[in-house]
């Protein structure tokens, strides 16, 4: 496994670095460990206006960016650690076990009794300290996760506008109740020492990390990707169509799906799918396949089946979406 050190604290450049690494086709897994300035990261399928307290973000100078992976909106700052594993792809399905098993082993070696949730989170004392997401690119899977160590949970709580449906489904009343800092289990460490110990455990688990460094031309190529995509407002603030119907539901193990639908005289003429689910689905492809069709289950189901058979949504079935659309 390669390890690529980085001194950047700009999430747009780190997401760009992940993409650049995947395009190099090194044939081996690459590890990144990084932290950010206070940042709000939106999932691929999410609506920025619904998920982020933009007024608060502007007031407190919080950076806002969007990932190319699914999952929910998260808050990161210098007290948290992000990790990335860019690995040759095995199959088409979303597979968290392949990476989370390694991460859990590292924590167990550190004496931290972490647990897996039924979805993609890591828990300490029943509370979340790590969310994970992934997507495919150029024959590689880019898996990344957040690790709350000494994060400002008060700022996190007011910065994120979490959908109340998710909170109700988890029987909690606020973001603050859901999460915990790892420092609760490792009070004698600061963030940088924690990073080094975590890195050391991974180094031993994989039989030695091979360190690589970027050249100046390579750094310029990463910056170009960042500027063109991850730092581009058009990529971050996706437009939401005018809608007449809004349907949303939280699917246990799958995540939140929100459908914004416009129907005219029984014909579907506008559709947007957002949420924090996991998939390699192209939402524009889904919309294009369904628009102009009679808004009836027998007309929509075949198209959904064809699309999701190629790019399934993790733990959410065609029948689930049909029920949401027409229930």
Protein backbone atom coordinates (compact mmCIF):
# COMPACT_ATOMS: atom_id res chain seq x y z
CA UNK A 1 0.00 0.00 0.00
CA UNK A 2 1.24 3.48 -0.92
CA UNK A 3 1.02 6.42 1.49
CA UNK A 4 0.85 9.91 -0.01
CA UNK A 5 1.55 12.61 2.61
CA UNK A 6 -0.16 15.97 2.12
CA UNK A 7 0.05 19.31 3.91
CA UNK A 8 -3.10 20.78 2.35
CA UNK A 9 -6.12 21.56 4.54
CA UNK A 10 -8.36 22.46 1.58
CA UNK A 11 -11.00 19.76 1.02
CA UNK A 12 -11.42 20.72 -2.65
CA UNK A 13 -7.75 19.94 -3.27
CA UNK A 14 -7.89 16.69 -1.31
CA UNK A 15 -10.93 15.46 -3.23
CA UNK A 16 -9.05 16.44 -6.39
CA UNK A 17 -6.01 14.50 -5.17
CA UNK A 18 -8.15 11.37 -4.69
CA UNK A 19 -9.38 11.70 -8.26
CA UNK A 20 -5.89 12.33 -9.61
CA UNK A 21 -4.53 9.23 -7.84
CA UNK A 22 -7.32 7.06 -9.28
CA UNK A 23 -6.40 8.27 -12.78
CA UNK A 24 -2.72 7.27 -12.34
CA UNK A 25 -3.55 3.56 -12.40
CA UNK A 26 -0.77 2.64 -9.97
CA UNK A 27 -2.27 -0.83 -9.54
CA UNK A 28 -2.13 -0.71 -5.75
CA UNK A 29 -4.10 0.86 -2.90
CA UNK A 30 -3.11 4.41 -1.91
CA UNK A 31 -3.73 5.87 1.54
CA UNK A 32 -4.26 9.57 2.31
CA UNK A 33 -4.67 11.05 5.81
CA UNK A 34 -5.75 14.66 5.97
CA UNK A 35 -7.46 17.39 7.96
CA UNK A 36 -9.33 20.50 6.83
CA UNK A 37 -10.14 24.02 7.81
CA UNK A 38 -13.75 24.20 9.13
CA UNK A 39 -15.65 22.73 6.18
CA UNK A 40 -19.12 21.49 5.26
CA UNK A 41 -19.00 18.58 2.78
CA UNK A 42 -22.17 17.75 0.84
CA UNK A 43 -22.87 14.28 -0.57
CA UNK A 44 -23.22 13.76 -4.32
CA UNK A 45 -27.01 13.48 -4.33
CA UNK A 46 -27.80 16.17 -1.77
CA UNK A 47 -29.44 19.57 -2.07
CA UNK A 48 -27.09 22.20 -0.65
CA UNK A 49 -29.92 24.58 0.22
CA UNK A 50 -31.69 21.92 2.29
CA UNK A 51 -28.64 20.43 4.00
CA UNK A 52 -26.51 23.44 4.89
CA UNK A 53 -27.14 26.48 7.05
CA UNK A 54 -25.62 28.77 4.43
CA UNK A 55 -26.12 31.96 6.45
CA UNK A 56 -24.22 30.46 9.37
CA UNK A 57 -21.53 29.13 7.03
CA UNK A 58 -20.99 32.62 5.60
CA UNK A 59 -21.00 34.25 9.03
CA UNK A 60 -18.39 31.85 10.44
CA UNK A 61 -16.34 31.54 7.22
CA UNK A 62 -17.00 27.82 6.81
CA UNK A 63 -15.92 26.34 3.50
CA UNK A 64 -18.59 24.44 1.56
CA UNK A 65 -17.83 21.75 -1.01
CA UNK A 66 -19.40 18.66 -2.55
CA UNK A 67 -18.10 15.10 -2.84
CA UNK A 68 -18.57 12.78 -5.81
CA UNK A 69 -19.61 10.02 -3.40
CA UNK A 70 -23.02 9.51 -1.85
CA UNK A 71 -23.92 9.76 1.81
CA UNK A 72 -24.83 12.69 4.03
CA UNK A 73 -23.50 16.14 4.70
CA UNK A 74 -20.68 16.25 7.25
CA UNK A 75 -18.71 18.91 9.10
CA UNK A 76 -14.93 18.69 9.43
CA UNK A 77 -12.35 20.90 11.07
CA UNK A 78 -8.74 20.72 12.33
CA UNK A 79 -9.91 18.53 15.22
CA UNK A 80 -11.03 15.78 12.86
CA UNK A 81 -9.12 13.47 10.55
CA UNK A 82 -10.14 12.32 7.08
CA UNK A 83 -8.79 9.17 5.46
CA UNK A 84 -8.92 8.06 1.83
CA UNK A 85 -8.24 4.63 0.36
CA UNK A 86 -8.01 4.56 -3.44
CA UNK A 87 -7.93 0.93 -4.54
CA UNK A 88 -8.35 -1.17 -7.70
CA UNK A 89 -12.05 -1.92 -8.09
CA UNK A 90 -13.42 -5.40 -7.37
CA UNK A 91 -16.92 -5.77 -8.82
CA UNK A 92 -19.58 -3.10 -9.28
CA UNK A 93 -21.36 -3.16 -5.92
CA UNK A 94 -20.81 -0.72 -3.07
CA UNK A 95 -18.62 -2.62 -0.57
CA UNK A 96 -17.79 -1.00 2.76
CA UNK A 97 -16.50 -4.19 4.43
CA UNK A 98 -13.36 -4.23 2.31
CA UNK A 99 -12.13 -0.98 3.85
CA UNK A 100 -13.89 -0.67 7.20
CA UNK A 101 -12.53 -4.01 8.39
CA UNK A 102 -9.01 -2.56 8.09
CA UNK A 103 -9.98 0.67 9.87
CA UNK A 104 -11.67 -1.24 12.71
CA UNK A 105 -8.60 -3.44 13.19
CA UNK A 106 -6.43 -0.33 13.56
CA UNK A 107 -8.70 1.03 16.29
CA UNK A 108 -8.88 -2.30 18.10
CA UNK A 109 -5.07 -2.39 18.14
CA UNK A 110 -5.21 1.06 19.76
CA UNK A 111 -7.55 -0.27 22.43
CA UNK A 112 -10.61 1.61 21.17
CA UNK A 113 -13.75 -0.62 21.17
CA UNK A 114 -15.30 0.63 17.94
CA UNK A 115 -18.35 -1.01 16.36
CA UNK A 116 -19.97 -1.04 12.92
CA UNK A 117 -23.46 0.33 12.35
CA UNK A 118 -25.96 -1.44 10.06
CA UNK A 119 -24.97 0.94 7.28
CA UNK A 120 -21.60 2.65 6.87
CA UNK A 121 -20.81 4.33 10.19
CA UNK A 122 -18.34 3.52 12.95
CA UNK A 123 -19.58 3.88 16.53
CA UNK A 124 -18.10 4.41 19.97
CA UNK A 125 -20.43 3.80 22.92
CA UNK A 126 -23.30 3.63 20.46
CA UNK A 127 -22.58 7.07 19.01
CA UNK A 128 -21.16 7.90 15.61
CA UNK A 129 -17.60 9.14 15.17
CA UNK A 130 -17.03 8.11 11.56
CA UNK A 131 -19.10 8.29 8.39
CA UNK A 132 -17.88 6.63 5.19
CA UNK A 133 -18.62 6.91 1.50
CA UNK A 134 -17.24 5.73 -1.82
CA UNK A 135 -17.51 5.95 -5.60
CA UNK A 136 -15.88 4.38 -8.65
CA UNK A 137 -13.54 6.10 -11.10
CA UNK A 138 -11.21 4.78 -13.82
CA UNK A 139 -11.36 1.19 -12.57
CA UNK A 140 -10.70 2.25 -8.97
CA UNK A 141 -12.88 2.69 -5.92
CA UNK A 142 -12.35 5.87 -3.92
CA UNK A 143 -13.35 5.17 -0.32
CA UNK A 144 -13.14 8.01 2.19
CA UNK A 145 -14.21 8.49 5.78
CA UNK A 146 -14.26 11.07 8.54
CA UNK A 147 -12.89 10.48 12.03
CA UNK A 148 -14.13 12.87 14.71
CA UNK A 149 -11.36 13.21 17.25
CA UNK A 150 -11.61 16.65 18.86
CA UNK A 151 -14.14 18.27 16.55
CA UNK A 152 -16.13 21.38 17.53
CA UNK A 153 -19.50 19.64 17.95
CA UNK A 154 -21.32 22.88 18.80
CA UNK A 155 -20.35 24.40 15.45
CA UNK A 156 -21.25 21.13 13.71
CA UNK A 157 -24.72 21.20 15.23
CA UNK A 158 -25.63 24.67 13.98
CA UNK A 159 -23.86 24.35 10.61
CA UNK A 160 -25.80 21.30 9.45
CA UNK A 161 -29.52 21.28 8.79
CA UNK A 162 -30.12 17.55 9.16
CA UNK A 163 -33.48 16.33 7.86
CA UNK A 164 -35.83 15.72 10.82
CA UNK A 165 -36.90 12.43 9.24
CA UNK A 166 -33.39 11.03 9.86
CA UNK A 167 -33.40 12.20 13.45
CA UNK A 168 -36.80 10.66 14.12
CA UNK A 169 -35.79 7.37 12.53
CA UNK A 170 -32.82 7.17 14.90
CA UNK A 171 -34.96 8.23 17.92
CA UNK A 172 -32.81 11.27 18.69
CA UNK A 173 -33.41 15.00 18.83
CA UNK A 174 -30.21 16.61 17.53
CA UNK A 175 -26.92 16.08 15.70
CA UNK A 176 -25.13 16.52 19.03
CA UNK A 177 -26.85 13.43 20.45
CA UNK A 178 -25.75 11.28 17.51
CA UNK A 179 -22.01 11.92 17.54
CA UNK A 180 -19.01 11.55 19.81
CA UNK A 181 -15.36 12.55 19.65
CA UNK A 182 -12.73 9.81 19.82
CA UNK A 183 -10.93 11.91 22.40
CA UNK A 184 -13.47 10.55 24.88
CA UNK A 185 -11.66 7.21 24.58
CA UNK A 186 -8.17 8.66 24.07
CA UNK A 187 -8.07 11.73 26.35
CA UNK A 188 -4.28 11.71 26.64
CA UNK A 189 -3.74 12.30 22.88
CA UNK A 190 -3.92 15.48 20.82
CA UNK A 191 -5.09 15.38 17.20
CA UNK A 192 -1.63 15.18 15.63
CA UNK A 193 -0.48 12.40 17.99
CA UNK A 194 -3.66 10.49 17.28
CA UNK A 195 -2.97 10.79 13.54
CA UNK A 196 0.54 9.40 13.95
CA UNK A 197 -0.59 6.47 16.11
CA UNK A 198 -3.41 5.64 13.70
CA UNK A 199 -0.96 5.80 10.78
CA UNK A 200 1.48 3.53 12.63
CA UNK A 201 -1.21 0.91 13.21
CA UNK A 202 -2.17 0.93 9.54
CA UNK A 203 1.51 0.69 8.59
CA UNK A 204 1.87 -2.49 10.65
CA UNK A 205 -1.42 -3.99 9.48
CA UNK A 206 -0.49 -3.74 5.78
CA UNK A 207 3.12 -4.87 6.26
CA UNK A 208 4.69 -1.47 5.66
CA UNK A 209 3.49 1.61 3.81
CA UNK A 210 5.44 2.79 0.75
CA UNK A 211 5.71 6.58 0.79
CA UNK A 212 5.28 8.57 -2.42
CA UNK A 213 5.51 12.33 -2.97
CA UNK A 214 4.03 14.57 -5.66
CA UNK A 215 6.24 16.53 -8.02
CA UNK A 216 5.42 20.22 -8.73
CA UNK A 217 3.82 19.36 -12.12
CA UNK A 218 1.68 16.73 -10.42
CA UNK A 219 0.61 19.23 -7.76
CA UNK A 220 -0.38 21.60 -10.57
CA UNK A 221 -2.50 18.87 -12.17
CA UNK A 222 -4.30 18.29 -8.86
CA UNK A 223 -4.94 22.03 -8.48
CA UNK A 224 -6.44 22.10 -11.96
CA UNK A 225 -8.93 19.35 -11.04
CA UNK A 226 -9.82 21.22 -7.85
CA UNK A 227 -10.46 24.48 -9.69
CA UNK A 228 -12.49 22.88 -12.47
CA UNK A 229 -14.70 20.73 -10.24
CA UNK A 230 -14.59 20.65 -6.45
CA UNK A 231 -14.08 24.41 -5.93
CA UNK A 232 -16.52 25.30 -8.71
CA UNK A 233 -19.76 26.85 -7.37
CA UNK A 234 -21.71 25.27 -10.22
CA UNK A 235 -20.65 21.83 -8.95
CA UNK A 236 -21.38 22.63 -5.29
CA UNK A 237 -24.72 24.45 -5.52
CA UNK A 238 -26.81 22.27 -7.77
CA UNK A 239 -30.05 23.89 -8.92
CA UNK A 240 -33.32 22.50 -7.58
CA UNK A 241 -36.20 22.37 -10.09
CA UNK A 242 -39.63 23.86 -9.45
CA UNK A 243 -41.74 21.07 -8.00
CA UNK A 244 -45.35 20.31 -7.29
CA UNK A 245 -44.80 17.15 -5.21
CA UNK A 246 -42.09 16.28 -2.71
CA UNK A 247 -41.74 12.74 -1.37
CA UNK A 248 -39.10 11.60 1.10
CA UNK A 249 -38.39 8.55 3.19
CA UNK A 250 -35.58 7.14 5.29
CA UNK A 251 -34.79 3.51 4.38
CA UNK A 252 -33.02 1.66 7.23
CA UNK A 253 -29.56 0.64 6.05
CA UNK A 254 -30.00 2.58 2.81
CA UNK A 255 -30.43 6.21 3.78
CA UNK A 256 -32.66 9.15 2.99
CA UNK A 257 -34.22 9.54 -0.46
CA UNK A 258 -36.02 12.73 -1.46
CA UNK A 259 -37.93 12.98 -4.74
CA UNK A 260 -39.03 16.32 -6.19
CA UNK A 261 -41.66 15.65 -8.82
CA UNK A 262 -43.65 17.75 -11.30
CA UNK A 263 -46.57 16.17 -13.16
CA UNK A 264 -48.72 17.85 -15.81
CA UNK A 265 -51.88 16.15 -17.06
CA UNK A 266 -50.63 12.78 -15.87
CA UNK A 267 -47.19 13.15 -17.56
CA UNK A 268 -43.97 13.39 -15.56
CA UNK A 269 -42.15 16.49 -16.75
CA UNK A 270 -39.64 17.13 -13.96
CA UNK A 271 -37.85 14.91 -11.42
CA UNK A 272 -34.90 15.34 -9.08
CA UNK A 273 -33.54 12.69 -6.72
CA UNK A 274 -31.50 13.81 -3.72
CA UNK A 275 -30.54 12.25 -0.40
CA UNK A 276 -27.67 10.60 1.41
CA UNK A 277 -27.86 7.16 -0.18
CA UNK A 278 -24.95 5.33 -1.82
CA UNK A 279 -24.80 4.48 -5.51
CA UNK A 280 -22.87 5.01 -8.72
CA UNK A 281 -26.13 6.22 -10.27
CA UNK A 282 -26.07 9.21 -12.62
CA UNK A 283 -29.14 11.22 -11.52
CA UNK A 284 -29.34 12.97 -14.90
CA UNK A 285 -29.58 9.59 -16.63
CA UNK A 286 -32.42 8.60 -14.32
CA UNK A 287 -34.29 11.84 -14.98
CA UNK A 288 -33.82 11.60 -18.74
CA UNK A 289 -35.16 8.02 -18.79
CA UNK A 290 -38.34 8.91 -16.88
CA UNK A 291 -39.37 12.32 -18.17
CA UNK A 292 -42.29 12.42 -20.58
CA UNK A 293 -43.74 9.13 -19.38
CA UNK A 294 -47.23 8.64 -17.92
CA UNK A 295 -46.91 8.93 -14.16
CA UNK A 296 -48.07 5.41 -13.35
CA UNK A 297 -46.25 2.50 -11.68
CA UNK A 298 -46.46 0.26 -14.73
CA UNK A 299 -44.85 2.96 -16.88
CA UNK A 300 -42.10 3.96 -14.43
CA UNK A 301 -41.10 0.56 -13.01
CA UNK A 302 -39.48 -0.89 -16.20
CA UNK A 303 -37.24 2.15 -16.57
CA UNK A 304 -36.24 2.13 -12.91
CA UNK A 305 -35.52 -1.59 -13.09
CA UNK A 306 -33.31 -1.19 -16.16
CA UNK A 307 -31.30 1.64 -14.63
CA UNK A 308 -30.89 0.19 -11.14
CA UNK A 309 -29.90 -3.21 -12.48
CA UNK A 310 -26.77 -1.52 -13.83
CA UNK A 311 -26.19 1.02 -11.04
CA UNK A 312 -28.03 -0.17 -7.91
CA UNK A 313 -28.68 1.98 -4.87
CA UNK A 314 -27.20 0.50 -1.73
CA UNK A 315 -29.93 -1.29 0.33
CA UNK A 316 -32.78 0.41 -1.60
CA UNK A 317 -34.85 -1.60 -4.10
CA UNK A 318 -36.91 -0.64 -7.13
CA UNK A 319 -40.05 -1.55 -5.14
CA UNK A 320 -38.96 0.87 -2.40
CA UNK A 321 -38.74 3.75 -4.89
CA UNK A 322 -42.03 2.82 -6.57
CA UNK A 323 -43.72 2.81 -3.16
CA UNK A 324 -42.19 6.20 -2.38
CA UNK A 325 -43.25 7.66 -5.72
CA UNK A 326 -46.81 6.43 -5.66
CA UNK A 327 -47.55 5.59 -2.02
